[in-house]
């Protein structure tokens, strides 16, 4: 399987990049504000959350606007990729039914789109760090392995959702409900370690990959601390394992996708 995966990546990588670029261009083709929407969308949500939880509920989290915007930016990548992976084969039936294409390439292309949007939104985070005079330490580089781990976990889960989304019609609705629950258990606008009593805070933060990765991303970017390396390595290999199993699942069922859509 490894050799087939390596050869397919070499063969279809350019298609994944071209497709991601085409999707980005099509999203802003008829928009007056163009790519600025990729900044305005998370920024407006950040303002709403800051008002509700920072002003109305009087949150005491340090640098709360940066705290919320960082969480919302990472959550958008996590949430959108998983939701979109469920229907990605059916939405690309015109391509899938005519030519052979490893289905995970479609997922990679979509993840590339969302990763680019996250990168654009992340420029605001850097600007906010400067605006609020938050010290930028060398620990900010730990964001790179955290985001790599996030990508692996999302890709692995996305592969399975891609597969079962072809056969289970209601999976999209189920995932919407599940991710809504995960959203509130991830701590986008509240600190899990501060608001939940022990040992529940540690359990939620360790078991929920989105919560763990977000917490550690904030630790190194906003507060200049070192992430939990041991658990980060564990989640990296979990994501790698899920990705391998997901790719194997897709290869095993390649011939059945076209028949089902």
C-alpha atoms as a PDB file:
ATOM      1  CA  UNK A   1       0.000   0.000   0.000  1.00  0.00           C
ATOM      2  CA  UNK A   2       2.848   2.396   0.797  1.00  0.00           C
ATOM      3  CA  UNK A   3       4.268   2.108  -2.730  1.00  0.00           C
ATOM      4  CA  UNK A   4       0.850   2.689  -4.295  1.00  0.00           C
ATOM      5  CA  UNK A   5       0.237   5.691  -2.035  1.00  0.00           C
ATOM      6  CA  UNK A   6       3.646   7.171  -2.871  1.00  0.00           C
ATOM      7  CA  UNK A   7       3.089   6.726  -6.612  1.00  0.00           C
ATOM      8  CA  UNK A   8      -0.417   8.182  -6.447  1.00  0.00           C
ATOM      9  CA  UNK A   9       0.794  11.229  -4.538  1.00  0.00           C
ATOM     10  CA  UNK A  10       3.479  11.865  -7.171  1.00  0.00           C
ATOM     11  CA  UNK A  11       0.962  11.405  -9.974  1.00  0.00           C
ATOM     12  CA  UNK A  12      -1.986  13.377  -8.588  1.00  0.00           C
ATOM     13  CA  UNK A  13      -0.314  16.006  -6.397  1.00  0.00           C
ATOM     14  CA  UNK A  14      -0.443  18.641  -9.151  1.00  0.00           C
ATOM     15  CA  UNK A  15      -4.142  17.979  -9.584  1.00  0.00           C
ATOM     16  CA  UNK A  16      -4.738  18.509  -5.834  1.00  0.00           C
ATOM     17  CA  UNK A  17      -2.898  21.859  -5.954  1.00  0.00           C
ATOM     18  CA  UNK A  18      -4.645  22.965  -9.155  1.00  0.00           C
ATOM     19  CA  UNK A  19      -8.042  21.961  -7.769  1.00  0.00           C
ATOM     20  CA  UNK A  20      -7.422  23.857  -4.509  1.00  0.00           C
ATOM     21  CA  UNK A  21      -6.460  26.991  -6.454  1.00  0.00           C
ATOM     22  CA  UNK A  22      -9.532  26.669  -8.658  1.00  0.00           C
ATOM     23  CA  UNK A  23     -11.807  26.332  -5.618  1.00  0.00           C
ATOM     24  CA  UNK A  24     -10.265  29.398  -3.981  1.00  0.00           C
ATOM     25  CA  UNK A  25     -10.703  31.458  -7.146  1.00  0.00           C
ATOM     26  CA  UNK A  26     -14.298  30.327  -7.639  1.00  0.00           C
ATOM     27  CA  UNK A  27     -15.232  31.325  -4.073  1.00  0.00           C
ATOM     28  CA  UNK A  28     -14.256  34.954  -4.665  1.00  0.00           C
ATOM     29  CA  UNK A  29     -15.063  35.202  -8.377  1.00  0.00           C
ATOM     30  CA  UNK A  30     -18.212  37.325  -7.923  1.00  0.00           C
ATOM     31  CA  UNK A  31     -17.315  38.942  -4.602  1.00  0.00           C
ATOM     32  CA  UNK A  32     -16.564  42.635  -4.236  1.00  0.00           C
ATOM     33  CA  UNK A  33     -14.368  42.105  -1.182  1.00  0.00           C
ATOM     34  CA  UNK A  34     -12.562  39.140  -2.740  1.00  0.00           C
ATOM     35  CA  UNK A  35     -10.163  37.341  -0.356  1.00  0.00           C
ATOM     36  CA  UNK A  36     -10.913  39.815   2.440  1.00  0.00           C
ATOM     37  CA  UNK A  37     -13.901  37.612   3.321  1.00  0.00           C
ATOM     38  CA  UNK A  38     -11.430  34.993   4.565  1.00  0.00           C
ATOM     39  CA  UNK A  39     -10.340  37.521   7.171  1.00  0.00           C
ATOM     40  CA  UNK A  40     -13.681  39.210   7.848  1.00  0.00           C
ATOM     41  CA  UNK A  41     -15.547  35.961   8.529  1.00  0.00           C
ATOM     42  CA  UNK A  42     -13.441  34.766  11.516  1.00  0.00           C
ATOM     43  CA  UNK A  43     -12.891  38.362  12.649  1.00  0.00           C
ATOM     44  CA  UNK A  44     -16.636  39.050  12.881  1.00  0.00           C
ATOM     45  CA  UNK A  45     -17.218  35.807  14.782  1.00  0.00           C
ATOM     46  CA  UNK A  46     -14.419  36.808  17.137  1.00  0.00           C
ATOM     47  CA  UNK A  47     -16.138  40.159  17.815  1.00  0.00           C
ATOM     48  CA  UNK A  48     -19.434  38.372  18.546  1.00  0.00           C
ATOM     49  CA  UNK A  49     -17.815  35.907  20.955  1.00  0.00           C
ATOM     50  CA  UNK A  50     -15.811  38.651  22.652  1.00  0.00           C
ATOM     51  CA  UNK A  51     -18.965  40.702  23.204  1.00  0.00           C
ATOM     52  CA  UNK A  52     -21.060  37.782  24.487  1.00  0.00           C
ATOM     53  CA  UNK A  53     -18.486  36.045  26.661  1.00  0.00           C
ATOM     54  CA  UNK A  54     -16.064  38.877  27.331  1.00  0.00           C
ATOM     55  CA  UNK A  55     -18.556  41.668  28.035  1.00  0.00           C
ATOM     56  CA  UNK A  56     -21.884  40.010  28.876  1.00  0.00           C
ATOM     57  CA  UNK A  57     -20.443  37.050  30.813  1.00  0.00           C
ATOM     58  CA  UNK A  58     -17.340  38.972  31.902  1.00  0.00           C
ATOM     59  CA  UNK A  59     -14.684  36.398  30.975  1.00  0.00           C
ATOM     60  CA  UNK A  60     -11.362  36.869  32.774  1.00  0.00           C
ATOM     61  CA  UNK A  61      -9.164  35.006  30.266  1.00  0.00           C
ATOM     62  CA  UNK A  62      -5.974  37.006  29.554  1.00  0.00           C
ATOM     63  CA  UNK A  63      -5.918  38.670  26.121  1.00  0.00           C
ATOM     64  CA  UNK A  64      -9.431  37.422  25.465  1.00  0.00           C
ATOM     65  CA  UNK A  65      -9.797  38.694  21.839  1.00  0.00           C
ATOM     66  CA  UNK A  66      -6.601  36.865  20.821  1.00  0.00           C
ATOM     67  CA  UNK A  67      -7.710  33.865  22.863  1.00  0.00           C
ATOM     68  CA  UNK A  68     -11.020  33.659  20.970  1.00  0.00           C
ATOM     69  CA  UNK A  69      -9.661  34.427  17.508  1.00  0.00           C
ATOM     70  CA  UNK A  70      -6.981  31.734  17.812  1.00  0.00           C
ATOM     71  CA  UNK A  71      -9.595  29.211  18.866  1.00  0.00           C
ATOM     72  CA  UNK A  72     -12.048  30.159  16.138  1.00  0.00           C
ATOM     73  CA  UNK A  73      -9.360  30.023  13.436  1.00  0.00           C
ATOM     74  CA  UNK A  74      -8.238  26.519  14.388  1.00  0.00           C
ATOM     75  CA  UNK A  75     -11.803  25.294  14.898  1.00  0.00           C
ATOM     76  CA  UNK A  76     -12.854  26.466  11.419  1.00  0.00           C
ATOM     77  CA  UNK A  77     -10.127  24.295   9.894  1.00  0.00           C
ATOM     78  CA  UNK A  78     -11.101  21.291  12.022  1.00  0.00           C
ATOM     79  CA  UNK A  79     -14.850  21.667  11.602  1.00  0.00           C
ATOM     80  CA  UNK A  80     -15.067  22.566   7.905  1.00  0.00           C
ATOM     81  CA  UNK A  81     -12.754  19.769   6.776  1.00  0.00           C
ATOM     82  CA  UNK A  82     -14.701  17.106   8.657  1.00  0.00           C
ATOM     83  CA  UNK A  83     -18.112  18.382   7.540  1.00  0.00           C
ATOM     84  CA  UNK A  84     -17.042  18.721   3.903  1.00  0.00           C
ATOM     85  CA  UNK A  85     -15.314  15.333   3.803  1.00  0.00           C
ATOM     86  CA  UNK A  86     -18.665  13.555   4.295  1.00  0.00           C
ATOM     87  CA  UNK A  87     -20.070  14.700   0.938  1.00  0.00           C
ATOM     88  CA  UNK A  88     -16.872  15.285  -1.004  1.00  0.00           C
ATOM     89  CA  UNK A  89     -17.145  12.177  -3.210  1.00  0.00           C
ATOM     90  CA  UNK A  90     -20.771  12.831  -4.141  1.00  0.00           C
ATOM     91  CA  UNK A  91     -20.082  16.482  -4.917  1.00  0.00           C
ATOM     92  CA  UNK A  92     -17.293  15.411  -7.258  1.00  0.00           C
ATOM     93  CA  UNK A  93     -19.245  12.606  -8.942  1.00  0.00           C
ATOM     94  CA  UNK A  94     -18.656  14.211 -12.364  1.00  0.00           C
ATOM     95  CA  UNK A  95     -14.926  13.620 -11.974  1.00  0.00           C
ATOM     96  CA  UNK A  96     -15.050  10.385  -9.989  1.00  0.00           C
ATOM     97  CA  UNK A  97     -17.393   8.677 -12.440  1.00  0.00           C
ATOM     98  CA  UNK A  98     -15.267   9.484 -15.506  1.00  0.00           C
ATOM     99  CA  UNK A  99     -11.618   9.102 -14.465  1.00  0.00           C
ATOM    100  CA  UNK A 100      -9.749   7.232 -11.769  1.00  0.00           C
ATOM    101  CA  UNK A 101      -8.693   9.448  -8.922  1.00  0.00           C
ATOM    102  CA  UNK A 102      -7.714   8.314  -5.419  1.00  0.00           C
ATOM    103  CA  UNK A 103     -10.567   9.712  -3.364  1.00  0.00           C
ATOM    104  CA  UNK A 104      -8.295  11.012  -0.611  1.00  0.00           C
ATOM    105  CA  UNK A 105      -6.829  13.412  -3.206  1.00  0.00           C
ATOM    106  CA  UNK A 106     -10.194  15.189  -3.164  1.00  0.00           C
ATOM    107  CA  UNK A 107      -9.877  15.490   0.602  1.00  0.00           C
ATOM    108  CA  UNK A 108      -6.306  16.772   0.341  1.00  0.00           C
ATOM    109  CA  UNK A 109      -7.430  19.406  -2.140  1.00  0.00           C
ATOM    110  CA  UNK A 110     -10.224  20.587   0.147  1.00  0.00           C
ATOM    111  CA  UNK A 111      -7.903  20.624   3.144  1.00  0.00           C
ATOM    112  CA  UNK A 112      -5.516  22.749   1.113  1.00  0.00           C
ATOM    113  CA  UNK A 113      -8.300  25.299   0.577  1.00  0.00           C
ATOM    114  CA  UNK A 114      -9.127  25.447   4.286  1.00  0.00           C
ATOM    115  CA  UNK A 115      -5.447  25.500   5.255  1.00  0.00           C
ATOM    116  CA  UNK A 116      -4.886  28.533   3.018  1.00  0.00           C
ATOM    117  CA  UNK A 117      -7.839  30.308   4.628  1.00  0.00           C
ATOM    118  CA  UNK A 118      -6.434  29.471   8.071  1.00  0.00           C
ATOM    119  CA  UNK A 119      -3.042  30.860   7.033  1.00  0.00           C
ATOM    120  CA  UNK A 120      -4.668  34.118   5.865  1.00  0.00           C
ATOM    121  CA  UNK A 121      -6.627  34.419   9.123  1.00  0.00           C
ATOM    122  CA  UNK A 122      -3.457  33.657  11.103  1.00  0.00           C
ATOM    123  CA  UNK A 123      -1.925  36.909   9.875  1.00  0.00           C
ATOM    124  CA  UNK A 124      -4.500  38.662  12.062  1.00  0.00           C
ATOM    125  CA  UNK A 125      -3.295  36.664  15.060  1.00  0.00           C
ATOM    126  CA  UNK A 126       0.239  37.978  14.514  1.00  0.00           C
ATOM    127  CA  UNK A 127      -1.156  41.503  14.186  1.00  0.00           C
ATOM    128  CA  UNK A 128      -3.164  41.094  17.391  1.00  0.00           C
ATOM    129  CA  UNK A 129      -0.093  39.836  19.274  1.00  0.00           C
ATOM    130  CA  UNK A 130       1.685  43.022  18.263  1.00  0.00           C
ATOM    131  CA  UNK A 131      -1.340  45.257  18.953  1.00  0.00           C
ATOM    132  CA  UNK A 132      -1.876  43.869  22.471  1.00  0.00           C
ATOM    133  CA  UNK A 133       1.897  43.883  23.101  1.00  0.00           C
ATOM    134  CA  UNK A 134       1.988  40.181  23.841  1.00  0.00           C
ATOM    135  CA  UNK A 135       5.611  38.978  23.937  1.00  0.00           C
ATOM    136  CA  UNK A 136       6.441  36.734  20.988  1.00  0.00           C
ATOM    137  CA  UNK A 137       8.815  34.047  22.250  1.00  0.00           C
ATOM    138  CA  UNK A 138      10.718  31.263  20.536  1.00  0.00           C
ATOM    139  CA  UNK A 139       8.019  28.871  21.752  1.00  0.00           C
ATOM    140  CA  UNK A 140       5.768  30.173  18.989  1.00  0.00           C
ATOM    141  CA  UNK A 141       7.611  27.766  16.661  1.00  0.00           C
ATOM    142  CA  UNK A 142       5.973  24.899  18.521  1.00  0.00           C
ATOM    143  CA  UNK A 143       2.835  25.877  16.605  1.00  0.00           C
ATOM    144  CA  UNK A 144       4.292  24.067  13.579  1.00  0.00           C
ATOM    145  CA  UNK A 145       4.277  20.505  15.048  1.00  0.00           C
ATOM    146  CA  UNK A 146       0.887  21.237  16.630  1.00  0.00           C
ATOM    147  CA  UNK A 147      -0.597  22.191  13.257  1.00  0.00           C
ATOM    148  CA  UNK A 148       1.046  19.192  11.576  1.00  0.00           C
ATOM    149  CA  UNK A 149      -0.556  16.919  14.181  1.00  0.00           C
ATOM    150  CA  UNK A 150      -3.891  18.681  13.660  1.00  0.00           C
ATOM    151  CA  UNK A 151      -3.634  18.081   9.904  1.00  0.00           C
ATOM    152  CA  UNK A 152      -2.886  14.386  10.381  1.00  0.00           C
ATOM    153  CA  UNK A 153      -5.787  13.875  12.795  1.00  0.00           C
ATOM    154  CA  UNK A 154      -8.210  15.742  10.526  1.00  0.00           C
ATOM    155  CA  UNK A 155      -7.023  13.884   7.425  1.00  0.00           C
ATOM    156  CA  UNK A 156      -7.326  10.498   9.132  1.00  0.00           C
ATOM    157  CA  UNK A 157     -10.832  11.128  10.441  1.00  0.00           C
ATOM    158  CA  UNK A 158     -11.766  12.745   7.123  1.00  0.00           C
ATOM    159  CA  UNK A 159     -10.789   9.608   5.197  1.00  0.00           C
ATOM    160  CA  UNK A 160     -13.256   7.524   7.197  1.00  0.00           C
ATOM    161  CA  UNK A 161     -15.992  10.167   6.872  1.00  0.00           C
ATOM    162  CA  UNK A 162     -15.309  10.304   3.136  1.00  0.00           C
ATOM    163  CA  UNK A 163     -15.810   6.545   2.904  1.00  0.00           C
ATOM    164  CA  UNK A 164     -18.934   6.211   5.027  1.00  0.00           C
ATOM    165  CA  UNK A 165     -20.416   9.412   3.620  1.00  0.00           C
ATOM    166  CA  UNK A 166     -20.847   7.630   0.288  1.00  0.00           C
ATOM    167  CA  UNK A 167     -23.041   4.916   1.816  1.00  0.00           C
ATOM    168  CA  UNK A 168     -24.761   6.594   4.791  1.00  0.00           C
ATOM    169  CA  UNK A 169     -27.133   9.370   3.717  1.00  0.00           C
ATOM    170  CA  UNK A 170     -27.673  10.790   7.212  1.00  0.00           C
ATOM    171  CA  UNK A 171     -24.000  10.950   8.152  1.00  0.00           C
ATOM    172  CA  UNK A 172     -23.787  14.660   7.311  1.00  0.00           C
ATOM    173  CA  UNK A 173     -26.594  15.481   9.761  1.00  0.00           C
ATOM    174  CA  UNK A 174     -25.059  13.236  12.424  1.00  0.00           C
ATOM    175  CA  UNK A 175     -21.654  14.904  12.046  1.00  0.00           C
ATOM    176  CA  UNK A 176     -23.223  18.355  12.325  1.00  0.00           C
ATOM    177  CA  UNK A 177     -24.691  17.383  15.709  1.00  0.00           C
ATOM    178  CA  UNK A 178     -21.501  15.651  16.890  1.00  0.00           C
ATOM    179  CA  UNK A 179     -19.284  18.577  15.922  1.00  0.00           C
ATOM    180  CA  UNK A 180     -21.648  20.989  17.636  1.00  0.00           C
ATOM    181  CA  UNK A 181     -21.085  19.063  20.863  1.00  0.00           C
ATOM    182  CA  UNK A 182     -17.327  18.914  20.236  1.00  0.00           C
ATOM    183  CA  UNK A 183     -17.362  22.679  19.653  1.00  0.00           C
ATOM    184  CA  UNK A 184     -18.601  23.365  23.179  1.00  0.00           C
ATOM    185  CA  UNK A 185     -16.155  20.815  24.604  1.00  0.00           C
ATOM    186  CA  UNK A 186     -13.162  22.343  22.825  1.00  0.00           C
ATOM    187  CA  UNK A 187     -13.008  25.676  24.620  1.00  0.00           C
ATOM    188  CA  UNK A 188     -13.228  28.121  21.731  1.00  0.00           C
ATOM    189  CA  UNK A 189     -14.395  30.940  24.000  1.00  0.00           C
ATOM    190  CA  UNK A 190     -13.590  29.516  27.436  1.00  0.00           C
ATOM    191  CA  UNK A 191     -10.569  27.899  29.065  1.00  0.00           C
ATOM    192  CA  UNK A 192     -11.201  24.214  29.737  1.00  0.00           C
ATOM    193  CA  UNK A 193      -8.453  23.965  32.331  1.00  0.00           C
ATOM    194  CA  UNK A 194      -9.878  26.955  34.211  1.00  0.00           C
ATOM    195  CA  UNK A 195     -13.647  26.438  33.923  1.00  0.00           C
ATOM    196  CA  UNK A 196     -13.897  22.673  34.475  1.00  0.00           C
ATOM    197  CA  UNK A 197     -13.084  21.113  37.821  1.00  0.00           C
ATOM    198  CA  UNK A 198     -10.299  18.533  38.031  1.00  0.00           C
ATOM    199  CA  UNK A 199      -9.992  15.800  36.923  1.00  0.00           C
ATOM    200  CA  UNK A 200     -12.654  16.508  34.282  1.00  0.00           C
ATOM    201  CA  UNK A 201     -10.682  19.387  32.757  1.00  0.00           C
ATOM    202  CA  UNK A 202      -7.628  17.188  32.179  1.00  0.00           C
ATOM    203  CA  UNK A 203      -9.745  14.313  30.825  1.00  0.00           C
ATOM    204  CA  UNK A 204     -11.579  16.512  28.297  1.00  0.00           C
ATOM    205  CA  UNK A 205      -8.379  18.249  27.262  1.00  0.00           C
ATOM    206  CA  UNK A 206      -6.530  14.961  26.710  1.00  0.00           C
ATOM    207  CA  UNK A 207      -9.294  12.890  25.084  1.00  0.00           C
ATOM    208  CA  UNK A 208     -10.608  15.576  22.720  1.00  0.00           C
ATOM    209  CA  UNK A 209      -7.855  16.156  20.117  1.00  0.00           C
ATOM    210  CA  UNK A 210      -9.301  19.536  19.085  1.00  0.00           C
ATOM    211  CA  UNK A 211      -9.298  20.728  22.716  1.00  0.00           C
ATOM    212  CA  UNK A 212      -5.791  19.404  23.375  1.00  0.00           C
ATOM    213  CA  UNK A 213      -4.241  20.902  20.255  1.00  0.00           C
ATOM    214  CA  UNK A 214      -6.024  24.233  20.705  1.00  0.00           C
ATOM    215  CA  UNK A 215      -5.001  24.481  24.357  1.00  0.00           C
ATOM    216  CA  UNK A 216      -1.361  23.831  23.492  1.00  0.00           C
ATOM    217  CA  UNK A 217      -1.473  26.188  20.510  1.00  0.00           C
ATOM    218  CA  UNK A 218      -2.600  28.982  22.813  1.00  0.00           C
ATOM    219  CA  UNK A 219       0.018  28.020  25.363  1.00  0.00           C
ATOM    220  CA  UNK A 220       2.910  28.483  22.931  1.00  0.00           C
ATOM    221  CA  UNK A 221       1.524  31.366  20.812  1.00  0.00           C
ATOM    222  CA  UNK A 222      -0.173  33.593  23.403  1.00  0.00           C
ATOM    223  CA  UNK A 223       1.481  32.681  26.685  1.00  0.00           C
ATOM    224  CA  UNK A 224       4.949  31.662  25.466  1.00  0.00           C
ATOM    225  CA  UNK A 225       4.890  28.280  27.181  1.00  0.00           C
ATOM    226  CA  UNK A 226       6.082  24.858  26.037  1.00  0.00           C
ATOM    227  CA  UNK A 227       3.353  22.428  24.903  1.00  0.00           C
ATOM    228  CA  UNK A 228       2.798  18.996  26.393  1.00  0.00           C
ATOM    229  CA  UNK A 229       5.332  17.201  24.200  1.00  0.00           C
ATOM    230  CA  UNK A 230       4.619  13.670  25.356  1.00  0.00           C
ATOM    231  CA  UNK A 231       0.900  13.825  24.633  1.00  0.00           C
ATOM    232  CA  UNK A 232       1.532  15.771  21.420  1.00  0.00           C
ATOM    233  CA  UNK A 233       3.709  12.910  20.163  1.00  0.00           C
ATOM    234  CA  UNK A 234       0.987  10.442  21.175  1.00  0.00           C
ATOM    235  CA  UNK A 235      -1.627  12.365  19.185  1.00  0.00           C
ATOM    236  CA  UNK A 236       0.770  12.647  16.233  1.00  0.00           C
ATOM    237  CA  UNK A 237       1.077   8.869  16.011  1.00  0.00           C
ATOM    238  CA  UNK A 238      -2.665   8.441  16.592  1.00  0.00           C
ATOM    239  CA  UNK A 239      -3.291  10.783  13.668  1.00  0.00           C
ATOM    240  CA  UNK A 240      -0.717   8.939  11.569  1.00  0.00           C
ATOM    241  CA  UNK A 241      -2.300   5.596  12.418  1.00  0.00           C
ATOM    242  CA  UNK A 242      -5.822   6.798  11.633  1.00  0.00           C
ATOM    243  CA  UNK A 243      -4.557   8.249   8.327  1.00  0.00           C
ATOM    244  CA  UNK A 244      -2.947   4.945   7.313  1.00  0.00           C
ATOM    245  CA  UNK A 245      -6.097   3.000   8.180  1.00  0.00           C
ATOM    246  CA  UNK A 246      -8.244   5.556   6.373  1.00  0.00           C
ATOM    247  CA  UNK A 247      -6.170   5.404   3.185  1.00  0.00           C
ATOM    248  CA  UNK A 248      -6.255   1.609   3.316  1.00  0.00           C
ATOM    249  CA  UNK A 249     -10.043   1.747   3.724  1.00  0.00           C
ATOM    250  CA  UNK A 250     -10.381   3.962   0.647  1.00  0.00           C
ATOM    251  CA  UNK A 251      -8.101   1.783  -1.492  1.00  0.00           C
ATOM    252  CA  UNK A 252     -10.030  -1.306  -0.473  1.00  0.00           C
ATOM    253  CA  UNK A 253     -13.365   0.203  -1.546  1.00  0.00           C
ATOM    254  CA  UNK A 254     -12.325   2.212  -4.616  1.00  0.00           C
ATOM    255  CA  UNK A 255     -14.529   0.224  -6.988  1.00  0.00           C
ATOM    256  CA  UNK A 256     -17.658   0.556  -4.877  1.00  0.00           C
ATOM    257  CA  UNK A 257     -17.779   4.369  -4.732  1.00  0.00           C
ATOM    258  CA  UNK A 258     -18.742   4.932  -8.365  1.00  0.00           C
ATOM    259  CA  UNK A 259     -21.530   2.326  -8.110  1.00  0.00           C
ATOM    260  CA  UNK A 260     -22.980   3.997  -5.008  1.00  0.00           C
ATOM    261  CA  UNK A 261     -23.092   7.574  -6.271  1.00  0.00           C
END
